[in-house]
């Protein structure tokens, strides 16, 4: 596979768009399809602009650390970047800190980062099985 991060991003966006309205609905009254569309609309640029570079950096840092369990370190760094998503999110919603530390940006960021990592590992595993890397 030529672009595993892009493949991971696309799969993650689809899964997150279907999952996030159940966990953190924007509209709570019988609007699942609208929630899916809204999450898809807003997750796509966030994952491509923030998620993919953060994942590259997490992979780079985990390889540089020389720690014997690189996957665990990479997962933890992914989660740190997911939690840190609250800072770029503040550009669009300045009231995010008024809701405390548990809000849509931190919970959504953690879920997105964790899922991105898991999907990326699955994509790499399929890639290794298909192409023998």
C-alpha atoms as a PDB file:
ATOM      1  CA  UNK A   1       0.000   0.000   0.000  1.00  0.00           C
ATOM      2  CA  UNK A   2       1.456   3.295  -1.002  1.00  0.00           C
ATOM      3  CA  UNK A   3      -0.144   5.655   1.509  1.00  0.00           C
ATOM      4  CA  UNK A   4      -1.029   3.781   4.705  1.00  0.00           C
ATOM      5  CA  UNK A   5      -1.606   6.964   6.746  1.00  0.00           C
ATOM      6  CA  UNK A   6      -4.137   8.272   4.217  1.00  0.00           C
ATOM      7  CA  UNK A   7      -5.872   4.885   4.124  1.00  0.00           C
ATOM      8  CA  UNK A   8      -5.910   4.890   7.918  1.00  0.00           C
ATOM      9  CA  UNK A   9      -7.338   8.407   7.965  1.00  0.00           C
ATOM     10  CA  UNK A  10     -10.159   7.526   5.572  1.00  0.00           C
ATOM     11  CA  UNK A  11     -11.117   4.376   7.490  1.00  0.00           C
ATOM     12  CA  UNK A  12     -10.899   6.237  10.811  1.00  0.00           C
ATOM     13  CA  UNK A  13     -13.115   9.064   9.543  1.00  0.00           C
ATOM     14  CA  UNK A  14     -15.789   6.596   8.457  1.00  0.00           C
ATOM     15  CA  UNK A  15     -15.704   4.709  11.769  1.00  0.00           C
ATOM     16  CA  UNK A  16     -15.597   7.896  13.855  1.00  0.00           C
ATOM     17  CA  UNK A  17     -18.428   9.483  11.868  1.00  0.00           C
ATOM     18  CA  UNK A  18     -20.615   6.492  12.689  1.00  0.00           C
ATOM     19  CA  UNK A  19     -19.409   6.072  16.294  1.00  0.00           C
ATOM     20  CA  UNK A  20     -19.150   9.619  17.656  1.00  0.00           C
ATOM     21  CA  UNK A  21     -22.871  10.496  17.301  1.00  0.00           C
ATOM     22  CA  UNK A  22     -23.605   7.619  19.665  1.00  0.00           C
ATOM     23  CA  UNK A  23     -20.963   8.695  22.207  1.00  0.00           C
ATOM     24  CA  UNK A  24     -21.163  12.494  21.894  1.00  0.00           C
ATOM     25  CA  UNK A  25     -24.240  13.515  19.884  1.00  0.00           C
ATOM     26  CA  UNK A  26     -24.428  17.099  18.675  1.00  0.00           C
ATOM     27  CA  UNK A  27     -28.199  16.920  18.235  1.00  0.00           C
ATOM     28  CA  UNK A  28     -29.887  14.633  20.730  1.00  0.00           C
ATOM     29  CA  UNK A  29     -33.396  14.323  19.290  1.00  0.00           C
ATOM     30  CA  UNK A  30     -33.662  11.680  16.538  1.00  0.00           C
ATOM     31  CA  UNK A  31     -30.947  13.175  14.365  1.00  0.00           C
ATOM     32  CA  UNK A  32     -28.406  10.375  13.960  1.00  0.00           C
ATOM     33  CA  UNK A  33     -27.943  10.939  10.212  1.00  0.00           C
ATOM     34  CA  UNK A  34     -27.419  14.677  10.726  1.00  0.00           C
ATOM     35  CA  UNK A  35     -24.884  13.915  13.480  1.00  0.00           C
ATOM     36  CA  UNK A  36     -23.037  11.483  11.193  1.00  0.00           C
ATOM     37  CA  UNK A  37     -22.857  14.091   8.437  1.00  0.00           C
ATOM     38  CA  UNK A  38     -21.693  16.821  10.829  1.00  0.00           C
ATOM     39  CA  UNK A  39     -19.017  14.633  12.358  1.00  0.00           C
ATOM     40  CA  UNK A  40     -17.871  13.547   8.895  1.00  0.00           C
ATOM     41  CA  UNK A  41     -17.713  17.159   7.770  1.00  0.00           C
ATOM     42  CA  UNK A  42     -15.680  18.351  10.747  1.00  0.00           C
ATOM     43  CA  UNK A  43     -13.539  15.253  11.323  1.00  0.00           C
ATOM     44  CA  UNK A  44     -12.175  15.103   7.794  1.00  0.00           C
ATOM     45  CA  UNK A  45     -10.045  18.271   7.907  1.00  0.00           C
ATOM     46  CA  UNK A  46      -9.101  17.666  11.554  1.00  0.00           C
ATOM     47  CA  UNK A  47      -7.787  14.181  10.826  1.00  0.00           C
ATOM     48  CA  UNK A  48      -5.939  15.218   7.665  1.00  0.00           C
ATOM     49  CA  UNK A  49      -4.492  18.490   9.022  1.00  0.00           C
ATOM     50  CA  UNK A  50      -3.823  17.487  12.650  1.00  0.00           C
ATOM     51  CA  UNK A  51      -4.083  13.697  12.909  1.00  0.00           C
ATOM     52  CA  UNK A  52      -1.788  12.533  10.128  1.00  0.00           C
ATOM     53  CA  UNK A  53       1.124  14.858  11.031  1.00  0.00           C
ATOM     54  CA  UNK A  54       0.666  13.978  14.722  1.00  0.00           C
ATOM     55  CA  UNK A  55       0.795  10.285  13.825  1.00  0.00           C
ATOM     56  CA  UNK A  56       3.974  10.753  11.785  1.00  0.00           C
ATOM     57  CA  UNK A  57       5.531  12.599  14.724  1.00  0.00           C
ATOM     58  CA  UNK A  58       4.403   9.924  17.209  1.00  0.00           C
ATOM     59  CA  UNK A  59       5.920   7.191  15.057  1.00  0.00           C
ATOM     60  CA  UNK A  60       9.142   9.155  14.648  1.00  0.00           C
ATOM     61  CA  UNK A  61       9.463   9.867  18.379  1.00  0.00           C
ATOM     62  CA  UNK A  62       8.746   6.267  19.338  1.00  0.00           C
ATOM     63  CA  UNK A  63      11.428   5.001  16.929  1.00  0.00           C
ATOM     64  CA  UNK A  64      13.961   7.566  18.151  1.00  0.00           C
ATOM     65  CA  UNK A  65      13.367   6.684  21.806  1.00  0.00           C
ATOM     66  CA  UNK A  66      14.872   3.251  21.291  1.00  0.00           C
ATOM     67  CA  UNK A  67      12.426   1.794  23.781  1.00  0.00           C
ATOM     68  CA  UNK A  68      11.886  -1.917  23.263  1.00  0.00           C
ATOM     69  CA  UNK A  69       8.087  -1.574  23.189  1.00  0.00           C
ATOM     70  CA  UNK A  70       7.725   1.002  20.408  1.00  0.00           C
ATOM     71  CA  UNK A  71       4.035   0.301  19.806  1.00  0.00           C
ATOM     72  CA  UNK A  72       3.049   1.104  23.381  1.00  0.00           C
ATOM     73  CA  UNK A  73       5.084   4.299  23.324  1.00  0.00           C
ATOM     74  CA  UNK A  74       3.580   5.282  19.979  1.00  0.00           C
ATOM     75  CA  UNK A  75       0.076   4.610  21.342  1.00  0.00           C
ATOM     76  CA  UNK A  76       0.757   6.803  24.396  1.00  0.00           C
ATOM     77  CA  UNK A  77       2.119   9.598  22.200  1.00  0.00           C
ATOM     78  CA  UNK A  78      -0.962   9.311  19.966  1.00  0.00           C
ATOM     79  CA  UNK A  79      -3.150   9.719  23.069  1.00  0.00           C
ATOM     80  CA  UNK A  80      -1.138  12.741  24.210  1.00  0.00           C
ATOM     81  CA  UNK A  81      -1.684  14.356  20.808  1.00  0.00           C
ATOM     82  CA  UNK A  82      -5.383  13.450  21.054  1.00  0.00           C
ATOM     83  CA  UNK A  83      -5.606  15.151  24.425  1.00  0.00           C
ATOM     84  CA  UNK A  84      -3.634  18.139  23.129  1.00  0.00           C
ATOM     85  CA  UNK A  85      -6.239  18.624  20.381  1.00  0.00           C
ATOM     86  CA  UNK A  86      -8.038  20.918  22.835  1.00  0.00           C
ATOM     87  CA  UNK A  87      -5.563  23.703  21.985  1.00  0.00           C
ATOM     88  CA  UNK A  88      -6.192  23.912  18.219  1.00  0.00           C
ATOM     89  CA  UNK A  89      -9.896  23.268  18.905  1.00  0.00           C
ATOM     90  CA  UNK A  90      -9.942  26.438  21.022  1.00  0.00           C
ATOM     91  CA  UNK A  91      -9.438  28.484  17.835  1.00  0.00           C
ATOM     92  CA  UNK A  92     -12.994  27.557  16.779  1.00  0.00           C
ATOM     93  CA  UNK A  93     -14.665  27.404  20.198  1.00  0.00           C
ATOM     94  CA  UNK A  94     -13.221  29.657  22.885  1.00  0.00           C
ATOM     95  CA  UNK A  95     -15.707  28.418  25.464  1.00  0.00           C
ATOM     96  CA  UNK A  96     -14.184  24.932  25.446  1.00  0.00           C
ATOM     97  CA  UNK A  97     -12.249  25.540  28.671  1.00  0.00           C
ATOM     98  CA  UNK A  98     -15.360  26.758  30.485  1.00  0.00           C
ATOM     99  CA  UNK A  99     -16.742  23.190  30.416  1.00  0.00           C
ATOM    100  CA  UNK A 100     -13.772  21.794  32.359  1.00  0.00           C
ATOM    101  CA  UNK A 101     -11.212  19.266  31.223  1.00  0.00           C
ATOM    102  CA  UNK A 102     -13.819  16.645  30.235  1.00  0.00           C
ATOM    103  CA  UNK A 103     -15.401  18.081  27.092  1.00  0.00           C
ATOM    104  CA  UNK A 104     -15.982  17.261  23.444  1.00  0.00           C
ATOM    105  CA  UNK A 105     -12.446  18.214  22.409  1.00  0.00           C
ATOM    106  CA  UNK A 106     -10.609  16.079  24.965  1.00  0.00           C
ATOM    107  CA  UNK A 107     -12.926  13.057  24.833  1.00  0.00           C
ATOM    108  CA  UNK A 108     -13.259  13.231  21.057  1.00  0.00           C
ATOM    109  CA  UNK A 109      -9.526  13.750  20.650  1.00  0.00           C
ATOM    110  CA  UNK A 110      -8.666  10.759  22.827  1.00  0.00           C
ATOM    111  CA  UNK A 111     -11.169   8.501  21.062  1.00  0.00           C
ATOM    112  CA  UNK A 112     -10.000   9.682  17.640  1.00  0.00           C
ATOM    113  CA  UNK A 113      -6.310   9.254  18.439  1.00  0.00           C
ATOM    114  CA  UNK A 114      -6.794   5.810  19.955  1.00  0.00           C
ATOM    115  CA  UNK A 115      -8.898   4.631  17.033  1.00  0.00           C
ATOM    116  CA  UNK A 116      -6.443   6.101  14.519  1.00  0.00           C
ATOM    117  CA  UNK A 117      -3.612   4.147  16.147  1.00  0.00           C
ATOM    118  CA  UNK A 118      -5.577   0.868  16.172  1.00  0.00           C
ATOM    119  CA  UNK A 119      -6.707   1.271  12.560  1.00  0.00           C
ATOM    120  CA  UNK A 120      -3.166   2.164  11.489  1.00  0.00           C
ATOM    121  CA  UNK A 121      -1.781  -0.969  13.131  1.00  0.00           C
ATOM    122  CA  UNK A 122      -4.453  -3.045  11.362  1.00  0.00           C
ATOM    123  CA  UNK A 123      -3.671  -1.406   8.003  1.00  0.00           C
ATOM    124  CA  UNK A 124       0.042  -2.088   8.480  1.00  0.00           C
ATOM    125  CA  UNK A 125      -0.673  -5.707   9.416  1.00  0.00           C
ATOM    126  CA  UNK A 126      -2.806  -6.235   6.295  1.00  0.00           C
ATOM    127  CA  UNK A 127      -0.108  -4.503   4.255  1.00  0.00           C
ATOM    128  CA  UNK A 128       2.552  -6.858   5.642  1.00  0.00           C
ATOM    129  CA  UNK A 129       0.367  -9.902   4.940  1.00  0.00           C
ATOM    130  CA  UNK A 130      -0.404  -8.847   1.371  1.00  0.00           C
ATOM    131  CA  UNK A 131       2.998  -7.548   0.303  1.00  0.00           C
ATOM    132  CA  UNK A 132       5.341  -9.357   2.695  1.00  0.00           C
ATOM    133  CA  UNK A 133       7.029  -6.287   4.202  1.00  0.00           C
END
